[in-house]
C-alpha atoms as a PDB file:
ATOM      1  CA  UNK A   1       0.000   0.000   0.000  1.00  0.00           C
ATOM      2  CA  UNK A   2       2.827   2.332   0.869  1.00  0.00           C
ATOM      3  CA  UNK A   3       4.605   1.412  -2.355  1.00  0.00           C
ATOM      4  CA  UNK A   4       1.527   2.155  -4.334  1.00  0.00           C
ATOM      5  CA  UNK A   5       1.125   5.487  -2.607  1.00  0.00           C
ATOM      6  CA  UNK A   6       4.757   6.349  -3.244  1.00  0.00           C
ATOM      7  CA  UNK A   7       4.376   5.486  -6.927  1.00  0.00           C
ATOM      8  CA  UNK A   8       1.370   7.695  -7.303  1.00  0.00           C
ATOM      9  CA  UNK A   9       2.794  10.657  -5.354  1.00  0.00           C
ATOM     10  CA  UNK A  10       6.338  10.492  -6.654  1.00  0.00           C
ATOM     11  CA  UNK A  11       5.843  12.797  -9.610  1.00  0.00           C
ATOM     12  CA  UNK A  12       4.336  15.473  -7.389  1.00  0.00           C
ATOM     13  CA  UNK A  13       7.262  15.273  -4.913  1.00  0.00           C
ATOM     14  CA  UNK A  14       9.986  15.565  -7.535  1.00  0.00           C
ATOM     15  CA  UNK A  15       9.139  19.204  -8.322  1.00  0.00           C
ATOM     16  CA  UNK A  16       9.584  21.493 -11.263  1.00  0.00           C
ATOM     17  CA  UNK A  17      13.007  20.177 -12.299  1.00  0.00           C
ATOM     18  CA  UNK A  18      11.598  16.763 -12.822  1.00  0.00           C
ATOM     19  CA  UNK A  19       8.638  18.123 -14.626  1.00  0.00           C
ATOM     20  CA  UNK A  20      10.916  19.995 -17.008  1.00  0.00           C
ATOM     21  CA  UNK A  21      12.935  16.856 -17.757  1.00  0.00           C
ATOM     22  CA  UNK A  22       9.732  14.893 -18.211  1.00  0.00           C
ATOM     23  CA  UNK A  23       8.369  17.376 -20.755  1.00  0.00           C
ATOM     24  CA  UNK A  24      11.699  17.458 -22.508  1.00  0.00           C
ATOM     25  CA  UNK A  25      11.849  13.663 -22.799  1.00  0.00           C
ATOM     26  CA  UNK A  26       8.241  13.521 -24.034  1.00  0.00           C
ATOM     27  CA  UNK A  27       9.125  16.065 -26.684  1.00  0.00           C
ATOM     28  CA  UNK A  28      11.984  13.779 -27.669  1.00  0.00           C
ATOM     29  CA  UNK A  29       9.684  10.866 -28.269  1.00  0.00           C
ATOM     30  CA  UNK A  30       9.808   8.933 -24.929  1.00  0.00           C
ATOM     31  CA  UNK A  31       6.538   7.271 -23.800  1.00  0.00           C
ATOM     32  CA  UNK A  32       4.102   9.817 -22.391  1.00  0.00           C
ATOM     33  CA  UNK A  33       2.978   9.458 -18.815  1.00  0.00           C
ATOM     34  CA  UNK A  34       0.039  10.878 -16.872  1.00  0.00           C
ATOM     35  CA  UNK A  35       2.027  13.972 -15.865  1.00  0.00           C
ATOM     36  CA  UNK A  36       2.370  14.837 -19.518  1.00  0.00           C
ATOM     37  CA  UNK A  37      -1.386  14.745 -19.750  1.00  0.00           C
ATOM     38  CA  UNK A  38      -1.660  17.168 -16.837  1.00  0.00           C
ATOM     39  CA  UNK A  39       0.969  19.520 -18.312  1.00  0.00           C
ATOM     40  CA  UNK A  40      -0.667  19.445 -21.722  1.00  0.00           C
ATOM     41  CA  UNK A  41      -4.077  20.066 -20.248  1.00  0.00           C
ATOM     42  CA  UNK A  42      -2.949  22.953 -18.026  1.00  0.00           C
ATOM     43  CA  UNK A  43      -0.105  24.597 -19.920  1.00  0.00           C
ATOM     44  CA  UNK A  44      -1.547  23.678 -23.312  1.00  0.00           C
ATOM     45  CA  UNK A  45      -4.801  25.416 -22.514  1.00  0.00           C
ATOM     46  CA  UNK A  46      -2.888  28.462 -21.354  1.00  0.00           C
ATOM     47  CA  UNK A  47      -0.872  28.457 -24.558  1.00  0.00           C
ATOM     48  CA  UNK A  48      -3.976  27.957 -26.627  1.00  0.00           C
ATOM     49  CA  UNK A  49      -5.721  30.703 -24.715  1.00  0.00           C
ATOM     50  CA  UNK A  50      -2.826  33.086 -25.365  1.00  0.00           C
ATOM     51  CA  UNK A  51      -2.653  32.034 -28.977  1.00  0.00           C
ATOM     52  CA  UNK A  52      -6.426  32.341 -29.297  1.00  0.00           C
ATOM     53  CA  UNK A  53      -6.311  35.756 -27.700  1.00  0.00           C
ATOM     54  CA  UNK A  54      -3.648  36.831 -30.163  1.00  0.00           C
ATOM     55  CA  UNK A  55      -5.631  35.384 -33.070  1.00  0.00           C
ATOM     56  CA  UNK A  56      -8.836  36.952 -31.802  1.00  0.00           C
ATOM     57  CA  UNK A  57      -7.152  40.340 -31.540  1.00  0.00           C
ATOM     58  CA  UNK A  58      -5.649  39.974 -35.008  1.00  0.00           C
ATOM     59  CA  UNK A  59      -8.978  38.781 -36.391  1.00  0.00           C
ATOM     60  CA  UNK A  60     -10.811  41.671 -34.813  1.00  0.00           C
ATOM     61  CA  UNK A  61      -8.318  44.190 -36.141  1.00  0.00           C
ATOM     62  CA  UNK A  62      -8.473  42.512 -39.531  1.00  0.00           C
ATOM     63  CA  UNK A  63     -12.247  42.604 -39.461  1.00  0.00           C
ATOM     64  CA  UNK A  64     -12.225  46.279 -38.507  1.00  0.00           C
ATOM     65  CA  UNK A  65      -9.816  47.042 -41.330  1.00  0.00           C
ATOM     66  CA  UNK A  66     -11.945  45.027 -43.760  1.00  0.00           C
ATOM     67  CA  UNK A  67     -15.083  46.838 -42.574  1.00  0.00           C
ATOM     68  CA  UNK A  68     -13.453  50.215 -43.070  1.00  0.00           C
ATOM     69  CA  UNK A  69     -12.233  49.250 -46.534  1.00  0.00           C
ATOM     70  CA  UNK A  70     -15.619  47.776 -47.473  1.00  0.00           C
ATOM     71  CA  UNK A  71     -17.454  50.817 -46.183  1.00  0.00           C
ATOM     72  CA  UNK A  72     -15.063  53.056 -48.060  1.00  0.00           C
ATOM     73  CA  UNK A  73     -15.611  51.015 -51.223  1.00  0.00           C
ATOM     74  CA  UNK A  74     -19.382  51.216 -50.833  1.00  0.00           C
ATOM     75  CA  UNK A  75     -19.254  54.969 -50.258  1.00  0.00           C
ATOM     76  CA  UNK A  76     -16.905  55.380 -53.220  1.00  0.00           C
ATOM     77  CA  UNK A  77     -19.191  53.235 -55.399  1.00  0.00           C
ATOM     78  CA  UNK A  78     -22.197  55.253 -54.253  1.00  0.00           C
ATOM     79  CA  UNK A  79     -20.477  58.527 -55.061  1.00  0.00           C
ATOM     80  CA  UNK A  80     -19.445  57.179 -58.447  1.00  0.00           C
ATOM     81  CA  UNK A  81     -23.022  56.119 -59.257  1.00  0.00           C
ATOM     82  CA  UNK A  82     -24.309  59.545 -58.263  1.00  0.00           C
ATOM     83  CA  UNK A  83     -21.706  61.214 -60.482  1.00  0.00           C
ATOM     84  CA  UNK A  84     -22.656  59.024 -63.456  1.00  0.00           C
ATOM     85  CA  UNK A  85     -26.353  59.759 -62.947  1.00  0.00           C
ATOM     86  CA  UNK A  86     -25.681  63.489 -62.652  1.00  0.00           C
ATOM     87  CA  UNK A  87     -23.669  63.480 -65.885  1.00  0.00           C
ATOM     88  CA  UNK A  88     -26.310  61.349 -67.623  1.00  0.00           C
ATOM     89  CA  UNK A  89     -29.157  63.646 -66.606  1.00  0.00           C
ATOM     90  CA  UNK A  90     -27.213  66.690 -67.790  1.00  0.00           C
ATOM     91  CA  UNK A  91     -26.569  65.103 -71.196  1.00  0.00           C
ATOM     92  CA  UNK A  92     -30.193  63.980 -71.476  1.00  0.00           C
ATOM     93  CA  UNK A  93     -31.426  67.479 -70.670  1.00  0.00           C
ATOM     94  CA  UNK A  94     -29.031  68.864 -73.287  1.00  0.00           C
ATOM     95  CA  UNK A  95     -30.269  66.487 -75.975  1.00  0.00           C
ATOM     96  CA  UNK A  96     -26.818  64.889 -76.330  1.00  0.00           C
ATOM     97  CA  UNK A  97     -28.157  61.445 -77.254  1.00  0.00           C
ATOM     98  CA  UNK A  98     -24.949  59.920 -78.607  1.00  0.00           C
ATOM     99  CA  UNK A  99     -22.740  61.224 -75.803  1.00  0.00           C
ATOM    100  CA  UNK A 100     -25.264  59.995 -73.247  1.00  0.00           C
ATOM    101  CA  UNK A 101     -25.248  56.514 -74.750  1.00  0.00           C
ATOM    102  CA  UNK A 102     -21.430  56.460 -74.866  1.00  0.00           C
ATOM    103  CA  UNK A 103     -21.301  57.435 -71.185  1.00  0.00           C
ATOM    104  CA  UNK A 104     -23.793  54.826 -69.994  1.00  0.00           C
ATOM    105  CA  UNK A 105     -22.756  51.899 -72.207  1.00  0.00           C
ATOM    106  CA  UNK A 106     -19.484  51.872 -70.255  1.00  0.00           C
ATOM    107  CA  UNK A 107     -21.568  50.833 -67.237  1.00  0.00           C
ATOM    108  CA  UNK A 108     -23.806  48.220 -68.856  1.00  0.00           C
ATOM    109  CA  UNK A 109     -22.618  45.636 -66.299  1.00  0.00           C
ATOM    110  CA  UNK A 110     -23.839  47.845 -63.459  1.00  0.00           C
ATOM    111  CA  UNK A 111     -26.128  46.376 -60.810  1.00  0.00           C
ATOM    112  CA  UNK A 112     -27.737  49.760 -60.155  1.00  0.00           C
ATOM    113  CA  UNK A 113     -31.293  50.106 -61.473  1.00  0.00           C
ATOM    114  CA  UNK A 114     -30.951  53.892 -61.800  1.00  0.00           C
ATOM    115  CA  UNK A 115     -28.090  53.490 -64.271  1.00  0.00           C
ATOM    116  CA  UNK A 116     -29.741  50.586 -66.087  1.00  0.00           C
ATOM    117  CA  UNK A 117     -33.058  52.265 -66.853  1.00  0.00           C
ATOM    118  CA  UNK A 118     -31.204  55.345 -68.058  1.00  0.00           C
ATOM    119  CA  UNK A 119     -29.153  53.102 -70.350  1.00  0.00           C
ATOM    120  CA  UNK A 120     -32.387  51.530 -71.633  1.00  0.00           C
ATOM    121  CA  UNK A 121     -33.706  55.023 -72.366  1.00  0.00           C
ATOM    122  CA  UNK A 122     -30.456  56.119 -74.036  1.00  0.00           C
ATOM    123  CA  UNK A 123     -30.406  52.984 -76.224  1.00  0.00           C
ATOM    124  CA  UNK A 124     -33.978  53.617 -77.304  1.00  0.00           C
ATOM    125  CA  UNK A 125     -33.340  57.304 -77.988  1.00  0.00           C
ATOM    126  CA  UNK A 126     -30.316  56.435 -80.108  1.00  0.00           C
ATOM    127  CA  UNK A 127     -32.433  53.926 -82.024  1.00  0.00           C
ATOM    128  CA  UNK A 128     -34.947  56.710 -82.791  1.00  0.00           C
ATOM    129  CA  UNK A 129     -32.382  58.970 -84.467  1.00  0.00           C
ATOM    130  CA  UNK A 130     -32.803  59.359 -88.228  1.00  0.00           C
ATOM    131  CA  UNK A 131     -29.078  58.737 -88.677  1.00  0.00           C
ATOM    132  CA  UNK A 132     -29.317  55.267 -87.103  1.00  0.00           C
ATOM    133  CA  UNK A 133     -29.467  52.450 -89.655  1.00  0.00           C
ATOM    134  CA  UNK A 134     -32.389  49.989 -89.623  1.00  0.00           C
ATOM    135  CA  UNK A 135     -30.100  47.139 -88.551  1.00  0.00           C
ATOM    136  CA  UNK A 136     -28.556  49.164 -85.726  1.00  0.00           C
ATOM    137  CA  UNK A 137     -31.970  50.408 -84.651  1.00  0.00           C
ATOM    138  CA  UNK A 138     -33.294  46.881 -84.221  1.00  0.00           C
ATOM    139  CA  UNK A 139     -30.208  45.886 -82.230  1.00  0.00           C
ATOM    140  CA  UNK A 140     -30.571  48.907 -79.939  1.00  0.00           C
ATOM    141  CA  UNK A 141     -34.294  48.281 -79.387  1.00  0.00           C
ATOM    142  CA  UNK A 142     -33.650  44.738 -78.168  1.00  0.00           C
ATOM    143  CA  UNK A 143     -30.699  45.855 -76.044  1.00  0.00           C
ATOM    144  CA  UNK A 144     -32.857  48.537 -74.457  1.00  0.00           C
ATOM    145  CA  UNK A 145     -35.391  45.917 -73.375  1.00  0.00           C
ATOM    146  CA  UNK A 146     -32.650  43.786 -71.812  1.00  0.00           C
ATOM    147  CA  UNK A 147     -31.360  46.724 -69.783  1.00  0.00           C
ATOM    148  CA  UNK A 148     -34.915  47.565 -68.696  1.00  0.00           C
ATOM    149  CA  UNK A 149     -35.498  43.935 -67.653  1.00  0.00           C
ATOM    150  CA  UNK A 150     -32.347  43.935 -65.589  1.00  0.00           C
ATOM    151  CA  UNK A 151     -33.331  47.231 -63.972  1.00  0.00           C
ATOM    152  CA  UNK A 152     -36.723  45.749 -63.062  1.00  0.00           C
ATOM    153  CA  UNK A 153     -35.017  42.741 -61.462  1.00  0.00           C
ATOM    154  CA  UNK A 154     -32.906  45.102 -59.348  1.00  0.00           C
ATOM    155  CA  UNK A 155     -35.654  47.469 -58.258  1.00  0.00           C
ATOM    156  CA  UNK A 156     -39.394  46.923 -58.639  1.00  0.00           C
ATOM    157  CA  UNK A 157     -40.167  50.032 -56.579  1.00  0.00           C
ATOM    158  CA  UNK A 158     -38.931  52.541 -59.159  1.00  0.00           C
ATOM    159  CA  UNK A 159     -41.613  54.219 -61.260  1.00  0.00           C
ATOM    160  CA  UNK A 160     -39.022  55.025 -63.950  1.00  0.00           C
ATOM    161  CA  UNK A 161     -38.039  51.358 -64.246  1.00  0.00           C
ATOM    162  CA  UNK A 162     -41.671  50.305 -64.838  1.00  0.00           C
ATOM    163  CA  UNK A 163     -42.172  53.135 -67.315  1.00  0.00           C
ATOM    164  CA  UNK A 164     -39.154  52.280 -69.433  1.00  0.00           C
ATOM    165  CA  UNK A 165     -39.779  48.548 -69.246  1.00  0.00           C
ATOM    166  CA  UNK A 166     -43.237  49.181 -70.726  1.00  0.00           C
ATOM    167  CA  UNK A 167     -41.864  51.501 -73.427  1.00  0.00           C
ATOM    168  CA  UNK A 168     -39.131  49.056 -74.454  1.00  0.00           C
ATOM    169  CA  UNK A 169     -41.560  46.121 -74.477  1.00  0.00           C
ATOM    170  CA  UNK A 170     -43.796  48.098 -76.812  1.00  0.00           C
ATOM    171  CA  UNK A 171     -40.865  48.910 -79.130  1.00  0.00           C
ATOM    172  CA  UNK A 172     -39.829  45.265 -79.442  1.00  0.00           C
ATOM    173  CA  UNK A 173     -43.387  44.438 -80.470  1.00  0.00           C
ATOM    174  CA  UNK A 174     -42.764  46.313 -83.722  1.00  0.00           C
ATOM    175  CA  UNK A 175     -40.331  43.554 -84.703  1.00  0.00           C
ATOM    176  CA  UNK A 176     -42.235  40.600 -83.261  1.00  0.00           C
ATOM    177  CA  UNK A 177     -45.399  40.966 -85.312  1.00  0.00           C
ATOM    178  CA  UNK A 178     -48.931  42.109 -84.585  1.00  0.00           C
ATOM    179  CA  UNK A 179     -49.868  39.067 -82.482  1.00  0.00           C
ATOM    180  CA  UNK A 180     -46.991  39.576 -80.060  1.00  0.00           C
ATOM    181  CA  UNK A 181     -47.591  43.314 -79.977  1.00  0.00           C
ATOM    182  CA  UNK A 182     -51.223  42.839 -79.009  1.00  0.00           C
ATOM    183  CA  UNK A 183     -50.338  40.025 -76.586  1.00  0.00           C
ATOM    184  CA  UNK A 184     -47.948  42.401 -74.821  1.00  0.00           C
ATOM    185  CA  UNK A 185     -50.653  45.050 -74.500  1.00  0.00           C
ATOM    186  CA  UNK A 186     -51.777  44.063 -71.015  1.00  0.00           C
ATOM    187  CA  UNK A 187     -48.165  43.805 -69.799  1.00  0.00           C
ATOM    188  CA  UNK A 188     -47.446  47.290 -71.102  1.00  0.00           C
ATOM    189  CA  UNK A 189     -50.603  48.711 -69.526  1.00  0.00           C
ATOM    190  CA  UNK A 190     -49.816  47.027 -66.198  1.00  0.00           C
ATOM    191  CA  UNK A 191     -46.361  48.626 -66.003  1.00  0.00           C
ATOM    192  CA  UNK A 192     -47.609  52.088 -67.019  1.00  0.00           C
ATOM    193  CA  UNK A 193     -50.258  51.867 -64.316  1.00  0.00           C
ATOM    194  CA  UNK A 194     -47.657  50.721 -61.799  1.00  0.00           C
ATOM    195  CA  UNK A 195     -45.450  53.672 -62.719  1.00  0.00           C
ATOM    196  CA  UNK A 196     -48.378  56.053 -62.156  1.00  0.00           C
ATOM    197  CA  UNK A 197     -49.204  54.352 -58.858  1.00  0.00           C
ATOM    198  CA  UNK A 198     -45.613  54.826 -57.669  1.00  0.00           C
ATOM    199  CA  UNK A 199     -45.448  58.433 -58.885  1.00  0.00           C
ATOM    200  CA  UNK A 200     -48.797  60.014 -59.806  1.00  0.00           C
ATOM    201  CA  UNK A 201     -47.036  63.288 -60.623  1.00  0.00           C
ATOM    202  CA  UNK A 202     -44.852  61.887 -63.394  1.00  0.00           C
ATOM    203  CA  UNK A 203     -46.380  63.500 -66.444  1.00  0.00           C
ATOM    204  CA  UNK A 204     -44.611  61.162 -68.870  1.00  0.00           C
ATOM    205  CA  UNK A 205     -46.093  57.994 -67.365  1.00  0.00           C
ATOM    206  CA  UNK A 206     -49.572  59.542 -67.424  1.00  0.00           C
ATOM    207  CA  UNK A 207     -49.033  60.659 -71.038  1.00  0.00           C
ATOM    208  CA  UNK A 208     -47.944  57.162 -72.073  1.00  0.00           C
ATOM    209  CA  UNK A 209     -51.037  55.643 -70.502  1.00  0.00           C
ATOM    210  CA  UNK A 210     -52.957  58.082 -72.692  1.00  0.00           C
ATOM    211  CA  UNK A 211     -51.020  56.879 -75.746  1.00  0.00           C
ATOM    212  CA  UNK A 212     -51.965  53.296 -74.862  1.00  0.00           C
ATOM    213  CA  UNK A 213     -55.643  54.283 -74.709  1.00  0.00           C
ATOM    214  CA  UNK A 214     -55.415  56.280 -77.956  1.00  0.00           C
ATOM    215  CA  UNK A 215     -53.779  53.344 -79.768  1.00  0.00           C
ATOM    216  CA  UNK A 216     -56.520  50.900 -78.818  1.00  0.00           C
ATOM    217  CA  UNK A 217     -59.271  53.426 -79.446  1.00  0.00           C
ATOM    218  CA  UNK A 218     -58.148  53.702 -83.092  1.00  0.00           C
ATOM    219  CA  UNK A 219     -57.204  50.040 -83.540  1.00  0.00           C
ATOM    220  CA  UNK A 220     -58.043  48.850 -87.074  1.00  0.00           C
ATOM    221  CA  UNK A 221     -60.751  46.203 -87.421  1.00  0.00           C
ATOM    222  CA  UNK A 222     -58.329  43.439 -88.462  1.00  0.00           C
ATOM    223  CA  UNK A 223     -56.224  44.014 -85.346  1.00  0.00           C
ATOM    224  CA  UNK A 224     -59.370  43.918 -83.235  1.00  0.00           C
ATOM    225  CA  UNK A 225     -60.109  40.472 -84.681  1.00  0.00           C
ATOM    226  CA  UNK A 226     -56.625  39.254 -83.782  1.00  0.00           C
ATOM    227  CA  UNK A 227     -57.041  40.644 -80.272  1.00  0.00           C
ATOM    228  CA  UNK A 228     -60.370  38.841 -79.929  1.00  0.00           C
ATOM    229  CA  UNK A 229     -58.637  35.587 -80.881  1.00  0.00           C
ATOM    230  CA  UNK A 230     -55.864  36.088 -78.306  1.00  0.00           C
ATOM    231  CA  UNK A 231     -57.949  37.246 -75.350  1.00  0.00           C
ATOM    232  CA  UNK A 232     -61.332  36.376 -73.945  1.00  0.00           C
ATOM    233  CA  UNK A 233     -61.543  40.097 -73.166  1.00  0.00           C
ATOM    234  CA  UNK A 234     -59.285  41.884 -75.676  1.00  0.00           C
ATOM    235  CA  UNK A 235     -57.673  45.211 -74.702  1.00  0.00           C
ATOM    236  CA  UNK A 236     -59.747  48.209 -75.654  1.00  0.00           C
ATOM    237  CA  UNK A 237     -60.169  51.878 -74.829  1.00  0.00           C
ATOM    238  CA  UNK A 238     -61.813  55.107 -75.998  1.00  0.00           C
ATOM    239  CA  UNK A 239     -60.710  58.559 -77.154  1.00  0.00           C
ATOM    240  CA  UNK A 240     -62.416  60.013 -74.096  1.00  0.00           C
ATOM    241  CA  UNK A 241     -60.238  57.923 -71.809  1.00  0.00           C
ATOM    242  CA  UNK A 242     -57.107  58.897 -73.757  1.00  0.00           C
ATOM    243  CA  UNK A 243     -58.107  62.565 -73.496  1.00  0.00           C
ATOM    244  CA  UNK A 244     -58.393  62.348 -69.710  1.00  0.00           C
ATOM    245  CA  UNK A 245     -54.844  61.019 -69.439  1.00  0.00           C
ATOM    246  CA  UNK A 246     -53.427  63.672 -71.784  1.00  0.00           C
ATOM    247  CA  UNK A 247     -55.093  66.423 -69.752  1.00  0.00           C
ATOM    248  CA  UNK A 248     -53.872  64.891 -66.471  1.00  0.00           C
ATOM    249  CA  UNK A 249     -50.338  64.891 -67.895  1.00  0.00           C
ATOM    250  CA  UNK A 250     -50.646  68.621 -68.719  1.00  0.00           C
ATOM    251  CA  UNK A 251     -51.961  69.309 -65.226  1.00  0.00           C
ATOM    252  CA  UNK A 252     -48.981  67.494 -63.705  1.00  0.00           C
ATOM    253  CA  UNK A 253     -46.447  69.391 -65.845  1.00  0.00           C
ATOM    254  CA  UNK A 254     -47.754  72.004 -68.319  1.00  0.00           C
ATOM    255  CA  UNK A 255     -46.072  72.053 -71.752  1.00  0.00           C
ATOM    256  CA  UNK A 256     -43.668  69.291 -70.697  1.00  0.00           C
ATOM    257  CA  UNK A 257     -43.781  67.423 -74.008  1.00  0.00           C
ATOM    258  CA  UNK A 258     -44.579  68.481 -77.552  1.00  0.00           C
ATOM    259  CA  UNK A 259     -46.194  65.150 -78.395  1.00  0.00           C
ATOM    260  CA  UNK A 260     -48.712  65.459 -75.566  1.00  0.00           C
ATOM    261  CA  UNK A 261     -49.835  68.773 -77.096  1.00  0.00           C
ATOM    262  CA  UNK A 262     -50.093  67.144 -80.515  1.00  0.00           C
ATOM    263  CA  UNK A 263     -52.090  64.191 -79.227  1.00  0.00           C
ATOM    264  CA  UNK A 264     -54.486  66.479 -77.378  1.00  0.00           C
ATOM    265  CA  UNK A 265     -55.152  68.170 -80.728  1.00  0.00           C
ATOM    266  CA  UNK A 266     -55.503  64.861 -82.577  1.00  0.00           C
ATOM    267  CA  UNK A 267     -57.813  63.409 -79.937  1.00  0.00           C
ATOM    268  CA  UNK A 268     -60.103  66.431 -80.099  1.00  0.00           C
ATOM    269  CA  UNK A 269     -60.172  65.986 -83.882  1.00  0.00           C
ATOM    270  CA  UNK A 270     -61.237  62.364 -83.389  1.00  0.00           C
ATOM    271  CA  UNK A 271     -64.030  63.668 -81.137  1.00  0.00           C
ATOM    272  CA  UNK A 272     -64.997  66.206 -83.824  1.00  0.00           C
ATOM    273  CA  UNK A 273     -64.112  69.243 -81.703  1.00  0.00           C
ATOM    274  CA  UNK A 274     -62.119  71.266 -84.220  1.00  0.00           C
ATOM    275  CA  UNK A 275     -62.141  74.477 -82.216  1.00  0.00           C
ATOM    276  CA  UNK A 276     -60.269  73.026 -79.231  1.00  0.00           C
ATOM    277  CA  UNK A 277     -58.167  70.862 -81.544  1.00  0.00           C
ATOM    278  CA  UNK A 278     -56.957  74.045 -83.235  1.00  0.00           C
ATOM    279  CA  UNK A 279     -55.809  75.424 -79.862  1.00  0.00           C
ATOM    280  CA  UNK A 280     -53.675  72.380 -78.981  1.00  0.00           C
ATOM    281  CA  UNK A 281     -52.276  71.902 -82.490  1.00  0.00           C
ATOM    282  CA  UNK A 282     -51.155  75.526 -82.519  1.00  0.00           C
ATOM    283  CA  UNK A 283     -49.371  74.968 -79.209  1.00  0.00           C
ATOM    284  CA  UNK A 284     -47.661  71.879 -80.673  1.00  0.00           C
ATOM    285  CA  UNK A 285     -46.563  73.841 -83.747  1.00  0.00           C
ATOM    286  CA  UNK A 286     -45.117  76.669 -81.642  1.00  0.00           C
ATOM    287  CA  UNK A 287     -43.353  74.395 -79.172  1.00  0.00           C
ATOM    288  CA  UNK A 288     -39.540  75.013 -79.147  1.00  0.00           C
ATOM    289  CA  UNK A 289     -37.920  72.178 -81.085  1.00  0.00           C
ATOM    290  CA  UNK A 290     -35.019  70.747 -79.074  1.00  0.00           C
ATOM    291  CA  UNK A 291     -35.063  67.197 -80.426  1.00  0.00           C
ATOM    292  CA  UNK A 292     -35.768  65.397 -83.687  1.00  0.00           C
ATOM    293  CA  UNK A 293     -39.070  64.246 -82.239  1.00  0.00           C
ATOM    294  CA  UNK A 294     -40.049  67.873 -81.532  1.00  0.00           C
ATOM    295  CA  UNK A 295     -39.350  68.704 -85.193  1.00  0.00           C
ATOM    296  CA  UNK A 296     -41.465  65.765 -86.355  1.00  0.00           C
ATOM    297  CA  UNK A 297     -44.279  66.912 -84.063  1.00  0.00           C
ATOM    298  CA  UNK A 298     -44.067  70.431 -85.503  1.00  0.00           C
ATOM    299  CA  UNK A 299     -44.305  69.098 -89.077  1.00  0.00           C
ATOM    300  CA  UNK A 300     -47.338  66.965 -88.239  1.00  0.00           C
ATOM    301  CA  UNK A 301     -49.021  69.814 -86.376  1.00  0.00           C
ATOM    302  CA  UNK A 302     -48.520  72.138 -89.380  1.00  0.00           C
ATOM    303  CA  UNK A 303     -50.002  69.533 -91.770  1.00  0.00           C
ATOM    304  CA  UNK A 304     -53.052  69.061 -89.536  1.00  0.00           C
ATOM    305  CA  UNK A 305     -53.537  72.814 -89.122  1.00  0.00           C
ATOM    306  CA  UNK A 306     -53.356  73.273 -92.907  1.00  0.00           C
ATOM    307  CA  UNK A 307     -55.967  70.585 -93.361  1.00  0.00           C
ATOM    308  CA  UNK A 308     -58.308  72.506 -91.064  1.00  0.00           C
END
């Protein structure tokens, strides 16, 4: 019993010198005893704690540095986006269609909906230029729709995104045939209405809803037959409904768009009110022509006025 006790207690009685030799011999590959287990458990945990503390501190500092860099990158990216948008809006307001497209096409891989819908608009506007070839126009029209789609995926709460998605969808219909164009009618209407819901004061969205109504009010009989084949309840509208939208657009932003003035005149002609039609057609004729579309509107207004 005494021998057993001595065997068990001996390591404890031999002190630190023995412990050091024991650890040294274990490090050299000698068989590990129970004291090694104790040392590893106690001193190892301390070492691991210190090492963990050091790693934790380094990790924290690294995380802080990463956070600062990330935040800086986000802020920088945000500032850059704002700068691009500011430049784009300036060029758009100046009627610099080609320069605007060249600016925005450099950012076609952007994930920002505000840049993407502006690129969709710029692509469409470039397609509308008289100097753009038919082949290039078609390419730009389809590209515009892709940018608008991507913008919609990124932000469904933007009225401008819905507006330009509807416009670009309508444009593509010109190349897809009458069936597709009519089939897209409800989609187009839905997105114009969504744009108005999100921003009732956007005169352009209200105007475009009026254009939709005007188009279906004057739909030829053969197109009406196709629509009846495609839908149980085909899309339809009236000149009165179109007129309400055109007037609402003027109320939201008077004289904002030459074509709204022209369509007010044309709609009143359809309703056989030549006196009021004359008023709006005169306004369309006298509207300052800043774009090619304005010039086209002026020419059409003059022709209609001459016919009266």
